[in-house]
C-alpha atoms as a PDB file:
ATOM      1  CA  UNK A   1       8.661   3.832 -13.319  1.00  0.00           C
ATOM      2  CA  UNK A   2       5.932   4.088 -16.221  1.00  0.00           C
ATOM      3  CA  UNK A   3       6.637  -0.065 -16.727  1.00  0.00           C
ATOM      4  CA  UNK A   4       5.830  -0.557 -13.478  1.00  0.00           C
ATOM      5  CA  UNK A   5       2.816   1.719 -13.496  1.00  0.00           C
ATOM      6  CA  UNK A   6       1.328   0.144 -16.506  1.00  0.00           C
ATOM      7  CA  UNK A   7       2.261  -2.911 -17.332  1.00  0.00           C
ATOM      8  CA  UNK A   8       0.503  -5.169 -15.885  1.00  0.00           C
ATOM      9  CA  UNK A   9       2.121  -8.678 -17.195  1.00  0.00           C
ATOM     10  CA  UNK A  10       5.753  -7.914 -16.365  1.00  0.00           C
ATOM     11  CA  UNK A  11       4.950  -5.905 -12.876  1.00  0.00           C
ATOM     12  CA  UNK A  12       1.401  -7.715 -11.698  1.00  0.00           C
ATOM     13  CA  UNK A  13       1.815  -7.454  -8.210  1.00  0.00           C
ATOM     14  CA  UNK A  14      -1.678  -9.035  -7.562  1.00  0.00           C
ATOM     15  CA  UNK A  15      -0.843 -12.416  -8.973  1.00  0.00           C
ATOM     16  CA  UNK A  16       2.319 -12.482  -7.649  1.00  0.00           C
ATOM     17  CA  UNK A  17       2.190 -14.806  -4.309  1.00  0.00           C
ATOM     18  CA  UNK A  18       5.894 -14.345  -3.006  1.00  0.00           C
ATOM     19  CA  UNK A  19       5.533 -10.781  -2.318  1.00  0.00           C
ATOM     20  CA  UNK A  20       5.639 -10.159   1.674  1.00  0.00           C
ATOM     21  CA  UNK A  21       5.272  -8.342   4.429  1.00  0.00           C
ATOM     22  CA  UNK A  22       8.726  -7.737   4.647  1.00  0.00           C
ATOM     23  CA  UNK A  23       9.358  -6.574   0.953  1.00  0.00           C
ATOM     24  CA  UNK A  24       7.018  -3.782   1.848  1.00  0.00           C
ATOM     25  CA  UNK A  25       9.398  -2.436   4.704  1.00  0.00           C
ATOM     26  CA  UNK A  26      12.364  -2.885   2.680  1.00  0.00           C
ATOM     27  CA  UNK A  27      11.067  -1.112  -0.371  1.00  0.00           C
ATOM     28  CA  UNK A  28       8.980   1.561   1.416  1.00  0.00           C
ATOM     29  CA  UNK A  29      11.802   1.743   4.451  1.00  0.00           C
ATOM     30  CA  UNK A  30       8.266   1.649   7.052  1.00  0.00           C
ATOM     31  CA  UNK A  31       8.457   0.292  10.395  1.00  0.00           C
ATOM     32  CA  UNK A  32       5.050  -1.786  10.391  1.00  0.00           C
ATOM     33  CA  UNK A  33       4.129  -3.225  13.340  1.00  0.00           C
ATOM     34  CA  UNK A  34       2.778  -6.176  11.344  1.00  0.00           C
ATOM     35  CA  UNK A  35       6.457  -6.652   9.745  1.00  0.00           C
ATOM     36  CA  UNK A  36       7.492  -7.495  13.621  1.00  0.00           C
ATOM     37  CA  UNK A  37       4.626  -9.465  14.607  1.00  0.00           C
ATOM     38  CA  UNK A  38       5.480 -11.878  11.752  1.00  0.00           C
ATOM     39  CA  UNK A  39       9.010 -11.915  12.163  1.00  0.00           C
ATOM     40  CA  UNK A  40       8.744 -12.801  16.010  1.00  0.00           C
ATOM     41  CA  UNK A  41       5.743 -15.746  15.388  1.00  0.00           C
ATOM     42  CA  UNK A  42       7.942 -16.956  12.593  1.00  0.00           C
ATOM     43  CA  UNK A  43      10.917 -17.186  14.784  1.00  0.00           C
ATOM     44  CA  UNK A  44       9.301 -18.082  18.154  1.00  0.00           C
ATOM     45  CA  UNK A  45       6.691 -21.023  16.905  1.00  0.00           C
ATOM     46  CA  UNK A  46       9.104 -23.002  15.495  1.00  0.00           C
ATOM     47  CA  UNK A  47      11.111 -22.469  19.283  1.00  0.00           C
ATOM     48  CA  UNK A  48       8.286 -23.574  21.159  1.00  0.00           C
ATOM     49  CA  UNK A  49       7.408 -26.345  18.906  1.00  0.00           C
ATOM     50  CA  UNK A  50      10.979 -27.751  18.852  1.00  0.00           C
ATOM     51  CA  UNK A  51      11.647 -27.312  22.611  1.00  0.00           C
ATOM     52  CA  UNK A  52       8.029 -29.271  23.282  1.00  0.00           C
ATOM     53  CA  UNK A  53       9.587 -32.533  21.735  1.00  0.00           C
ATOM     54  CA  UNK A  54      13.049 -31.644  22.567  1.00  0.00           C
ATOM     55  CA  UNK A  55      12.333 -31.166  26.527  1.00  0.00           C
ATOM     56  CA  UNK A  56       9.100 -33.812  26.700  1.00  0.00           C
ATOM     57  CA  UNK A  57       8.901 -37.270  27.831  1.00  0.00           C
ATOM     58  CA  UNK A  58       6.728 -40.373  26.716  1.00  0.00           C
ATOM     59  CA  UNK A  59       5.943 -43.114  28.692  1.00  0.00           C
ATOM     60  CA  UNK A  60       5.790 -45.979  26.264  1.00  0.00           C
ATOM     61  CA  UNK A  61       2.435 -48.220  26.948  1.00  0.00           C
ATOM     62  CA  UNK A  62       1.488 -51.084  24.502  1.00  0.00           C
ATOM     63  CA  UNK A  63      -1.256 -48.858  22.983  1.00  0.00           C
ATOM     64  CA  UNK A  64       0.423 -46.285  22.652  1.00  0.00           C
ATOM     65  CA  UNK A  65       3.363 -48.180  20.833  1.00  0.00           C
ATOM     66  CA  UNK A  66       0.816 -49.620  18.434  1.00  0.00           C
ATOM     67  CA  UNK A  67      -0.085 -45.616  17.705  1.00  0.00           C
ATOM     68  CA  UNK A  68       3.446 -44.854  17.564  1.00  0.00           C
ATOM     69  CA  UNK A  69       3.892 -47.439  14.672  1.00  0.00           C
ATOM     70  CA  UNK A  70       0.896 -46.082  12.937  1.00  0.00           C
ATOM     71  CA  UNK A  71       2.894 -42.467  13.108  1.00  0.00           C
ATOM     72  CA  UNK A  72       5.727 -43.644  11.697  1.00  0.00           C
ATOM     73  CA  UNK A  73       4.225 -44.877   8.220  1.00  0.00           C
ATOM     74  CA  UNK A  74       2.131 -41.879   8.211  1.00  0.00           C
ATOM     75  CA  UNK A  75       5.279 -39.639   8.638  1.00  0.00           C
ATOM     76  CA  UNK A  76       6.724 -41.870   5.473  1.00  0.00           C
ATOM     77  CA  UNK A  77       4.312 -40.610   3.555  1.00  0.00           C
ATOM     78  CA  UNK A  78       4.281 -36.988   4.571  1.00  0.00           C
ATOM     79  CA  UNK A  79       8.648 -37.057   4.343  1.00  0.00           C
ATOM     80  CA  UNK A  80       7.720 -38.498   0.381  1.00  0.00           C
ATOM     81  CA  UNK A  81       4.859 -35.712  -0.554  1.00  0.00           C
ATOM     82  CA  UNK A  82       7.487 -33.390   1.595  1.00  0.00           C
ATOM     83  CA  UNK A  83      10.483 -34.387  -0.380  1.00  0.00           C
ATOM     84  CA  UNK A  84       8.470 -34.064  -4.029  1.00  0.00           C
ATOM     85  CA  UNK A  85       6.762 -31.023  -3.588  1.00  0.00           C
ATOM     86  CA  UNK A  86       7.728 -28.785  -0.756  1.00  0.00           C
ATOM     87  CA  UNK A  87      11.408 -29.007  -1.328  1.00  0.00           C
ATOM     88  CA  UNK A  88      11.443 -27.740  -4.926  1.00  0.00           C
ATOM     89  CA  UNK A  89       8.737 -25.165  -4.215  1.00  0.00           C
ATOM     90  CA  UNK A  90      11.536 -24.040  -1.318  1.00  0.00           C
ATOM     91  CA  UNK A  91      14.486 -23.620  -3.704  1.00  0.00           C
ATOM     92  CA  UNK A  92      11.983 -21.852  -6.402  1.00  0.00           C
ATOM     93  CA  UNK A  93      11.558 -19.686  -3.560  1.00  0.00           C
ATOM     94  CA  UNK A  94      14.964 -18.807  -2.437  1.00  0.00           C
ATOM     95  CA  UNK A  95      15.865 -18.511  -6.294  1.00  0.00           C
ATOM     96  CA  UNK A  96      13.383 -15.892  -6.560  1.00  0.00           C
ATOM     97  CA  UNK A  97      14.557 -14.387  -3.346  1.00  0.00           C
ATOM     98  CA  UNK A  98      18.016 -13.499  -4.655  1.00  0.00           C
ATOM     99  CA  UNK A  99      16.395 -12.386  -7.762  1.00  0.00           C
ATOM    100  CA  UNK A 100      17.201 -14.941 -10.389  1.00  0.00           C
ATOM    101  CA  UNK A 101      13.709 -15.689 -11.515  1.00  0.00           C
ATOM    102  CA  UNK A 102      11.458 -14.108 -13.891  1.00  0.00           C
ATOM    103  CA  UNK A 103       9.284 -13.025 -11.254  1.00  0.00           C
ATOM    104  CA  UNK A 104       8.319  -9.957  -9.582  1.00  0.00           C
ATOM    105  CA  UNK A 105       8.983 -10.458  -6.370  1.00  0.00           C
ATOM    106  CA  UNK A 106      12.248 -11.266  -8.299  1.00  0.00           C
ATOM    107  CA  UNK A 107      12.918  -8.667 -10.233  1.00  0.00           C
ATOM    108  CA  UNK A 108      11.997  -6.109  -6.851  1.00  0.00           C
ATOM    109  CA  UNK A 109      14.528  -8.379  -5.077  1.00  0.00           C
ATOM    110  CA  UNK A 110      17.105  -7.514  -8.217  1.00  0.00           C
ATOM    111  CA  UNK A 111      16.403  -4.308  -8.016  1.00  0.00           C
ATOM    112  CA  UNK A 112      17.003  -3.748  -4.233  1.00  0.00           C
ATOM    113  CA  UNK A 113      20.161  -5.773  -4.184  1.00  0.00           C
ATOM    114  CA  UNK A 114      21.618  -3.066  -6.230  1.00  0.00           C
ATOM    115  CA  UNK A 115      20.332  -0.475  -4.001  1.00  0.00           C
ATOM    116  CA  UNK A 116      22.028  -2.139  -1.106  1.00  0.00           C
ATOM    117  CA  UNK A 117      25.481  -2.670  -3.113  1.00  0.00           C
ATOM    118  CA  UNK A 118      24.929   1.633  -3.813  1.00  0.00           C
ATOM    119  CA  UNK A 119      24.592   2.341   0.249  1.00  0.00           C
ATOM    120  CA  UNK A 120      21.686   4.115  -1.286  1.00  0.00           C
ATOM    121  CA  UNK A 121      18.644   2.864   0.919  1.00  0.00           C
ATOM    122  CA  UNK A 122      17.645   3.786   4.491  1.00  0.00           C
ATOM    123  CA  UNK A 123      18.658   1.681   7.940  1.00  0.00           C
ATOM    124  CA  UNK A 124      14.870   0.428   7.904  1.00  0.00           C
ATOM    125  CA  UNK A 125      15.467  -0.501   4.410  1.00  0.00           C
ATOM    126  CA  UNK A 126      18.515  -2.489   4.889  1.00  0.00           C
ATOM    127  CA  UNK A 127      17.315  -4.027   7.820  1.00  0.00           C
ATOM    128  CA  UNK A 128      13.940  -5.495   6.284  1.00  0.00           C
ATOM    129  CA  UNK A 129      16.124  -6.490   3.150  1.00  0.00           C
ATOM    130  CA  UNK A 130      17.937  -9.051   5.226  1.00  0.00           C
ATOM    131  CA  UNK A 131      15.364 -10.164   7.045  1.00  0.00           C
ATOM    132  CA  UNK A 132      13.142 -11.118   3.785  1.00  0.00           C
ATOM    133  CA  UNK A 133      16.607 -12.674   2.443  1.00  0.00           C
ATOM    134  CA  UNK A 134      17.044 -14.750   5.800  1.00  0.00           C
ATOM    135  CA  UNK A 135      13.293 -15.528   6.235  1.00  0.00           C
ATOM    136  CA  UNK A 136      12.943 -16.913   2.646  1.00  0.00           C
ATOM    137  CA  UNK A 137      15.844 -18.873   2.069  1.00  0.00           C
ATOM    138  CA  UNK A 138      17.983 -19.702   5.396  1.00  0.00           C
ATOM    139  CA  UNK A 139      14.669 -19.685   7.774  1.00  0.00           C
ATOM    140  CA  UNK A 140      12.954 -22.058   5.260  1.00  0.00           C
ATOM    141  CA  UNK A 141      15.847 -24.577   5.083  1.00  0.00           C
ATOM    142  CA  UNK A 142      16.229 -24.851   9.337  1.00  0.00           C
ATOM    143  CA  UNK A 143      12.065 -25.031   9.273  1.00  0.00           C
ATOM    144  CA  UNK A 144      12.342 -28.121   6.824  1.00  0.00           C
ATOM    145  CA  UNK A 145      15.219 -29.767   9.047  1.00  0.00           C
ATOM    146  CA  UNK A 146      12.776 -29.078  12.107  1.00  0.00           C
ATOM    147  CA  UNK A 147       9.813 -30.251   9.852  1.00  0.00           C
ATOM    148  CA  UNK A 148      11.832 -33.503   9.706  1.00  0.00           C
ATOM    149  CA  UNK A 149      12.576 -34.014  13.509  1.00  0.00           C
ATOM    150  CA  UNK A 150       9.170 -32.956  14.473  1.00  0.00           C
ATOM    151  CA  UNK A 151       7.434 -35.886  12.366  1.00  0.00           C
ATOM    152  CA  UNK A 152      10.716 -38.098  13.566  1.00  0.00           C
ATOM    153  CA  UNK A 153       9.516 -37.669  17.084  1.00  0.00           C
ATOM    154  CA  UNK A 154       6.049 -37.827  16.747  1.00  0.00           C
ATOM    155  CA  UNK A 155       3.750 -40.769  18.569  1.00  0.00           C
ATOM    156  CA  UNK A 156       0.068 -39.954  17.543  1.00  0.00           C
ATOM    157  CA  UNK A 157      -1.250 -40.020  13.658  1.00  0.00           C
ATOM    158  CA  UNK A 158      -3.098 -37.137  13.816  1.00  0.00           C
ATOM    159  CA  UNK A 159      -0.194 -35.148  15.640  1.00  0.00           C
ATOM    160  CA  UNK A 160       1.835 -35.831  12.430  1.00  0.00           C
ATOM    161  CA  UNK A 161      -0.604 -34.387  10.273  1.00  0.00           C
ATOM    162  CA  UNK A 162      -1.253 -31.398  12.271  1.00  0.00           C
ATOM    163  CA  UNK A 163       2.769 -30.616  12.582  1.00  0.00           C
ATOM    164  CA  UNK A 164       3.093 -31.065   9.090  1.00  0.00           C
ATOM    165  CA  UNK A 165       0.254 -28.198   8.608  1.00  0.00           C
ATOM    166  CA  UNK A 166       1.759 -25.940  11.382  1.00  0.00           C
ATOM    167  CA  UNK A 167       5.111 -25.548   9.750  1.00  0.00           C
ATOM    168  CA  UNK A 168       3.668 -24.946   6.550  1.00  0.00           C
ATOM    169  CA  UNK A 169       1.315 -22.375   7.844  1.00  0.00           C
ATOM    170  CA  UNK A 170       4.557 -20.953   9.861  1.00  0.00           C
ATOM    171  CA  UNK A 171       6.499 -20.667   6.642  1.00  0.00           C
ATOM    172  CA  UNK A 172       3.810 -18.809   4.767  1.00  0.00           C
ATOM    173  CA  UNK A 173       2.721 -16.312   8.259  1.00  0.00           C
ATOM    174  CA  UNK A 174       4.611 -12.989   6.201  1.00  0.00           C
ATOM    175  CA  UNK A 175       2.874 -13.956   2.652  1.00  0.00           C
ATOM    176  CA  UNK A 176      -0.442 -14.423   4.291  1.00  0.00           C
ATOM    177  CA  UNK A 177      -0.345 -11.212   5.818  1.00  0.00           C
ATOM    178  CA  UNK A 178       0.312  -9.313   2.527  1.00  0.00           C
ATOM    179  CA  UNK A 179      -2.253 -11.067   0.769  1.00  0.00           C
ATOM    180  CA  UNK A 180      -5.013 -10.015   3.568  1.00  0.00           C
ATOM    181  CA  UNK A 181      -7.754  -7.935   1.733  1.00  0.00           C
ATOM    182  CA  UNK A 182      -7.224  -5.033   4.397  1.00  0.00           C
ATOM    183  CA  UNK A 183      -3.379  -4.504   3.686  1.00  0.00           C
ATOM    184  CA  UNK A 184      -2.778  -3.345   0.540  1.00  0.00           C
ATOM    185  CA  UNK A 185      -5.850  -3.257  -1.553  1.00  0.00           C
ATOM    186  CA  UNK A 186      -4.991  -3.143  -5.401  1.00  0.00           C
ATOM    187  CA  UNK A 187      -1.556  -3.019  -4.076  1.00  0.00           C
ATOM    188  CA  UNK A 188      -1.213   0.693  -4.524  1.00  0.00           C
ATOM    189  CA  UNK A 189       1.832   1.252  -1.488  1.00  0.00           C
ATOM    190  CA  UNK A 190       3.997  -2.087  -3.320  1.00  0.00           C
ATOM    191  CA  UNK A 191       3.747   0.023  -6.472  1.00  0.00           C
ATOM    192  CA  UNK A 192       4.786   2.966  -4.786  1.00  0.00           C
ATOM    193  CA  UNK A 193       7.793   1.291  -3.064  1.00  0.00           C
ATOM    194  CA  UNK A 194       8.989  -0.444  -6.219  1.00  0.00           C
ATOM    195  CA  UNK A 195       8.565   3.220  -8.312  1.00  0.00           C
ATOM    196  CA  UNK A 196      10.980   4.346  -5.002  1.00  0.00           C
ATOM    197  CA  UNK A 197      13.768   2.032  -4.930  1.00  0.00           C
ATOM    198  CA  UNK A 198      14.186   2.499  -8.818  1.00  0.00           C
ATOM    199  CA  UNK A 199      14.525   6.214  -8.100  1.00  0.00           C
ATOM    200  CA  UNK A 200      17.203   4.765  -5.213  1.00  0.00           C
ATOM    201  CA  UNK A 201      18.903   2.710  -8.015  1.00  0.00           C
ATOM    202  CA  UNK A 202      19.082   5.498 -10.590  1.00  0.00           C
ATOM    203  CA  UNK A 203      19.895   8.628  -8.460  1.00  0.00           C
ATOM    204  CA  UNK A 204      22.741   8.366  -5.718  1.00  0.00           C
ATOM    205  CA  UNK A 205      21.068  10.188  -3.554  1.00  0.00           C
ATOM    206  CA  UNK A 206      23.964  10.158  -0.842  1.00  0.00           C
ATOM    207  CA  UNK A 207      26.308  11.633  -3.400  1.00  0.00           C
ATOM    208  CA  UNK A 208      23.358  14.313  -3.814  1.00  0.00           C
ATOM    209  CA  UNK A 209      23.735  15.090   0.588  1.00  0.00           C
ATOM    210  CA  UNK A 210      27.409  15.597   0.842  1.00  0.00           C
ATOM    211  CA  UNK A 211      29.908  17.765  -0.941  1.00  0.00           C
ATOM    212  CA  UNK A 212      32.565  15.897  -0.698  1.00  0.00           C
ATOM    213  CA  UNK A 213      30.878  12.511  -2.009  1.00  0.00           C
ATOM    214  CA  UNK A 214      29.686  14.758  -5.200  1.00  0.00           C
ATOM    215  CA  UNK A 215      33.339  16.049  -5.798  1.00  0.00           C
ATOM    216  CA  UNK A 216      34.441  12.197  -5.523  1.00  0.00           C
ATOM    217  CA  UNK A 217      32.347  10.294  -7.891  1.00  0.00           C
ATOM    218  CA  UNK A 218      31.546  12.742 -10.333  1.00  0.00           C
ATOM    219  CA  UNK A 219      34.786  13.804 -10.448  1.00  0.00           C
ATOM    220  CA  UNK A 220      34.511  17.566 -10.251  1.00  0.00           C
ATOM    221  CA  UNK A 221      37.108  19.951  -8.372  1.00  0.00           C
ATOM    222  CA  UNK A 222      36.056  20.257  -4.316  1.00  0.00           C
ATOM    223  CA  UNK A 223      36.404  23.950  -5.142  1.00  0.00           C
ATOM    224  CA  UNK A 224      34.089  24.216  -7.749  1.00  0.00           C
ATOM    225  CA  UNK A 225      31.426  22.183  -6.081  1.00  0.00           C
ATOM    226  CA  UNK A 226      31.734  24.369  -3.155  1.00  0.00           C
ATOM    227  CA  UNK A 227      31.323  27.985  -4.917  1.00  0.00           C
ATOM    228  CA  UNK A 228      28.146  26.297  -6.984  1.00  0.00           C
ATOM    229  CA  UNK A 229      26.547  25.595  -3.936  1.00  0.00           C
ATOM    230  CA  UNK A 230      27.585  28.476  -1.890  1.00  0.00           C
ATOM    231  CA  UNK A 231      29.113  26.380   0.739  1.00  0.00           C
ATOM    232  CA  UNK A 232      26.061  24.599   1.721  1.00  0.00           C
ATOM    233  CA  UNK A 233      27.533  21.133   3.245  1.00  0.00           C
ATOM    234  CA  UNK A 234      23.998  19.546   2.626  1.00  0.00           C
ATOM    235  CA  UNK A 235      24.697  20.255  -1.207  1.00  0.00           C
ATOM    236  CA  UNK A 236      21.005  18.906  -2.618  1.00  0.00           C
ATOM    237  CA  UNK A 237      19.779  17.991   0.523  1.00  0.00           C
ATOM    238  CA  UNK A 238      19.429  21.605   2.054  1.00  0.00           C
ATOM    239  CA  UNK A 239      15.484  21.321   3.374  1.00  0.00           C
ATOM    240  CA  UNK A 240      15.293  24.892   4.252  1.00  0.00           C
ATOM    241  CA  UNK A 241      16.345  25.932   0.761  1.00  0.00           C
ATOM    242  CA  UNK A 242      13.801  23.572  -0.364  1.00  0.00           C
ATOM    243  CA  UNK A 243      10.886  25.278   0.986  1.00  0.00           C
ATOM    244  CA  UNK A 244      11.749  28.390  -0.360  1.00  0.00           C
END
């Protein structure tokens, strides 16, 4: 915890561009409306774009055919850029998301995975951890395929460029919210969330809330645990006793 708080090299939250609003909710267990808004936008906008091209009908004129030819050449150039830069970036993003890269976001996801495997996280943490994984792995792949499809159907050169920018914007909505100056100045909340995840990773909290689980995990006879806590079924999670 001291390393996360004081080490500005290994845990520099300011410079990591991949930390997003889902990461905040995944660590803090916070159902934030901005995280929900980002999730809705990133699912709804691609569907609207796909639906407009899939259901759209065009009546080709001679001028439209010439415009379409220009659009195809422009789309080809964007494909070259796309496959040489965006796809490698997407692969790197997936690698960071699953916790195999040397970044703050990747290390944080490694801790989150350990907490998930132990079952020590809350329901909201579990939900947004899976959303974070999906939106930065499968969703990015689906956006890439949809982008290629849309560019192949576009008839106007200017729309080829606008569509490409639109998909880039959609893929980065969750990160752009988290980078806003008003969102988390000095990255205090994500630092607190990282420390919370470390505590959850070290302490087996579900075992401290149940006599049976404590006895099973630490191999202590059940009757001894009951005697030590005066038959309190909540064990160390007795809030009334803690207030005293």
